Amino acid sequence: MQLHELLDPSFVTRQLMVRNEDVVFVKGILEASEGLCALFAERGGDLTLLAPSSRAAELDAVLDDLRVELDGVLGARAPVP
């Protein structure tokens, strides 16, 4: 599925940019977090994450930790329009 097919007001999106070699690590962490979010990688380490609004705080905490550990960059946090 494409990201635009999943967009709904009951979801939030987040952007995380990491080095290309860190993408598999990020994917592993998120997959171990049972249903936390879906990950979309359009190119390299430019990641878009889609999560239920009810899990936004949990996702934000995980992404903050990953940002620090991997020296990543988080994009603006906003609900899905």
C-alpha atoms as a PDB file:
ATOM      1  CA  MET A   1       0.000   0.000   0.000  1.00  0.00           C
ATOM      2  CA  GLN A   2       1.002   3.570  -0.568  1.00  0.00           C
ATOM      3  CA  LEU A   3       1.092   6.024   2.334  1.00  0.00           C
ATOM      4  CA  HIS A   4      -1.560   8.310   0.840  1.00  0.00           C
ATOM      5  CA  GLU A   5      -4.015   5.360   0.799  1.00  0.00           C
ATOM      6  CA  LEU A   6      -3.707   5.016   4.575  1.00  0.00           C
ATOM      7  CA  LEU A   7      -4.041   8.656   5.616  1.00  0.00           C
ATOM      8  CA  ASP A   8      -6.944   9.221   7.955  1.00  0.00           C
ATOM      9  CA  PRO A   9      -7.562  11.693  10.815  1.00  0.00           C
ATOM     10  CA  SER A  10      -7.282   8.843  13.326  1.00  0.00           C
ATOM     11  CA  PHE A  11      -3.544   8.566  12.524  1.00  0.00           C
ATOM     12  CA  VAL A  12      -0.464  10.708  13.061  1.00  0.00           C
ATOM     13  CA  THR A  13       2.616  10.862  10.872  1.00  0.00           C
ATOM     14  CA  ARG A  14       6.176  11.476  11.921  1.00  0.00           C
ATOM     15  CA  GLN A  15       9.360  12.059   9.931  1.00  0.00           C
ATOM     16  CA  LEU A  16      12.729  10.670  10.974  1.00  0.00           C
ATOM     17  CA  MET A  17      15.944  11.051   9.023  1.00  0.00           C
ATOM     18  CA  VAL A  18      18.786   8.652   9.830  1.00  0.00           C
ATOM     19  CA  ARG A  19      21.867   7.375   8.014  1.00  0.00           C
ATOM     20  CA  ASN A  20      21.087   4.769   5.365  1.00  0.00           C
ATOM     21  CA  GLU A  21      22.927   2.095   7.358  1.00  0.00           C
ATOM     22  CA  ASP A  22      20.650   2.722  10.383  1.00  0.00           C
ATOM     23  CA  VAL A  23      17.341   2.049   8.595  1.00  0.00           C
ATOM     24  CA  VAL A  24      17.360  -1.710   9.309  1.00  0.00           C
ATOM     25  CA  PHE A  25      18.050  -1.030  13.007  1.00  0.00           C
ATOM     26  CA  VAL A  26      15.137   1.454  13.190  1.00  0.00           C
ATOM     27  CA  LYS A  27      12.862  -1.005  11.401  1.00  0.00           C
ATOM     28  CA  GLY A  28      13.794  -3.752  13.876  1.00  0.00           C
ATOM     29  CA  ILE A  29      13.052  -1.536  16.885  1.00  0.00           C
ATOM     30  CA  LEU A  30       9.685  -0.486  15.480  1.00  0.00           C
ATOM     31  CA  GLU A  31       8.676  -4.026  14.482  1.00  0.00           C
ATOM     32  CA  ALA A  32       9.470  -5.196  18.020  1.00  0.00           C
ATOM     33  CA  SER A  33       7.015  -2.577  19.295  1.00  0.00           C
ATOM     34  CA  GLU A  34       3.921  -4.600  18.295  1.00  0.00           C
ATOM     35  CA  GLY A  35       1.658  -2.433  16.165  1.00  0.00           C
ATOM     36  CA  LEU A  36       3.219   0.876  17.122  1.00  0.00           C
ATOM     37  CA  CYS A  37       3.481   2.198  13.576  1.00  0.00           C
ATOM     38  CA  ALA A  38       4.013   1.505   9.915  1.00  0.00           C
ATOM     39  CA  LEU A  39       7.304   2.606   8.376  1.00  0.00           C
ATOM     40  CA  PHE A  40       7.690   3.983   4.873  1.00  0.00           C
ATOM     41  CA  ALA A  41      11.115   4.680   3.378  1.00  0.00           C
ATOM     42  CA  GLU A  42      10.961   6.674   0.188  1.00  0.00           C
ATOM     43  CA  ARG A  43      14.714   7.007  -0.199  1.00  0.00           C
ATOM     44  CA  GLY A  44      17.606   6.043   1.996  1.00  0.00           C
ATOM     45  CA  GLY A  45      17.189   7.096   5.594  1.00  0.00           C
ATOM     46  CA  ASP A  46      14.308   9.526   4.980  1.00  0.00           C
ATOM     47  CA  LEU A  47      11.563   7.716   6.914  1.00  0.00           C
ATOM     48  CA  THR A  48       7.857   8.425   7.329  1.00  0.00           C
ATOM     49  CA  LEU A  49       6.006   6.716  10.167  1.00  0.00           C
ATOM     50  CA  LEU A  50       2.238   6.318  10.432  1.00  0.00           C
ATOM     51  CA  ALA A  51       0.683   5.459  13.796  1.00  0.00           C
ATOM     52  CA  PRO A  52      -2.742   5.431  15.436  1.00  0.00           C
ATOM     53  CA  SER A  53      -3.375   8.702  17.287  1.00  0.00           C
ATOM     54  CA  SER A  54      -3.823   6.691  20.482  1.00  0.00           C
ATOM     55  CA  ARG A  55      -0.149   5.654  20.294  1.00  0.00           C
ATOM     56  CA  ALA A  56       1.321   9.036  19.335  1.00  0.00           C
ATOM     57  CA  ALA A  57       2.949   9.667  22.726  1.00  0.00           C
ATOM     58  CA  GLU A  58       4.546   6.206  22.717  1.00  0.00           C
ATOM     59  CA  LEU A  59       5.836   6.706  19.171  1.00  0.00           C
ATOM     60  CA  ASP A  60       7.222  10.129  20.054  1.00  0.00           C
ATOM     61  CA  ALA A  61       9.128   8.658  23.009  1.00  0.00           C
ATOM     62  CA  VAL A  62      10.651   5.898  20.857  1.00  0.00           C
ATOM     63  CA  LEU A  63      11.586   8.376  18.117  1.00  0.00           C
ATOM     64  CA  ASP A  64      13.185  10.749  20.626  1.00  0.00           C
ATOM     65  CA  ASP A  65      15.353   7.877  21.882  1.00  0.00           C
ATOM     66  CA  LEU A  66      16.272   6.819  18.340  1.00  0.00           C
ATOM     67  CA  ARG A  67      17.093  10.409  17.386  1.00  0.00           C
ATOM     68  CA  VAL A  68      19.556  10.688  20.247  1.00  0.00           C
ATOM     69  CA  GLU A  69      21.082   7.222  19.794  1.00  0.00           C
ATOM     70  CA  LEU A  70      21.480   7.488  16.016  1.00  0.00           C
ATOM     71  CA  ASP A  71      22.083  11.241  15.727  1.00  0.00           C
ATOM     72  CA  GLY A  72      18.926  11.459  13.621  1.00  0.00           C
ATOM     73  CA  VAL A  73      16.683  14.385  12.764  1.00  0.00           C
ATOM     74  CA  LEU A  74      12.977  14.502  13.570  1.00  0.00           C
ATOM     75  CA  GLY A  75      10.553  16.406  11.380  1.00  0.00           C
ATOM     76  CA  ALA A  76       7.607  18.467  12.621  1.00  0.00           C
ATOM     77  CA  ARG A  77       4.964  16.542  14.552  1.00  0.00           C
ATOM     78  CA  ALA A  78       1.478  16.907  13.182  1.00  0.00           C
ATOM     79  CA  PRO A  79      -1.743  14.915  12.946  1.00  0.00           C
ATOM     80  CA  VAL A  80      -2.823  13.639   9.562  1.00  0.00           C
ATOM     81  CA  PRO A  81      -4.925  16.325   7.786  1.00  0.00           C
END
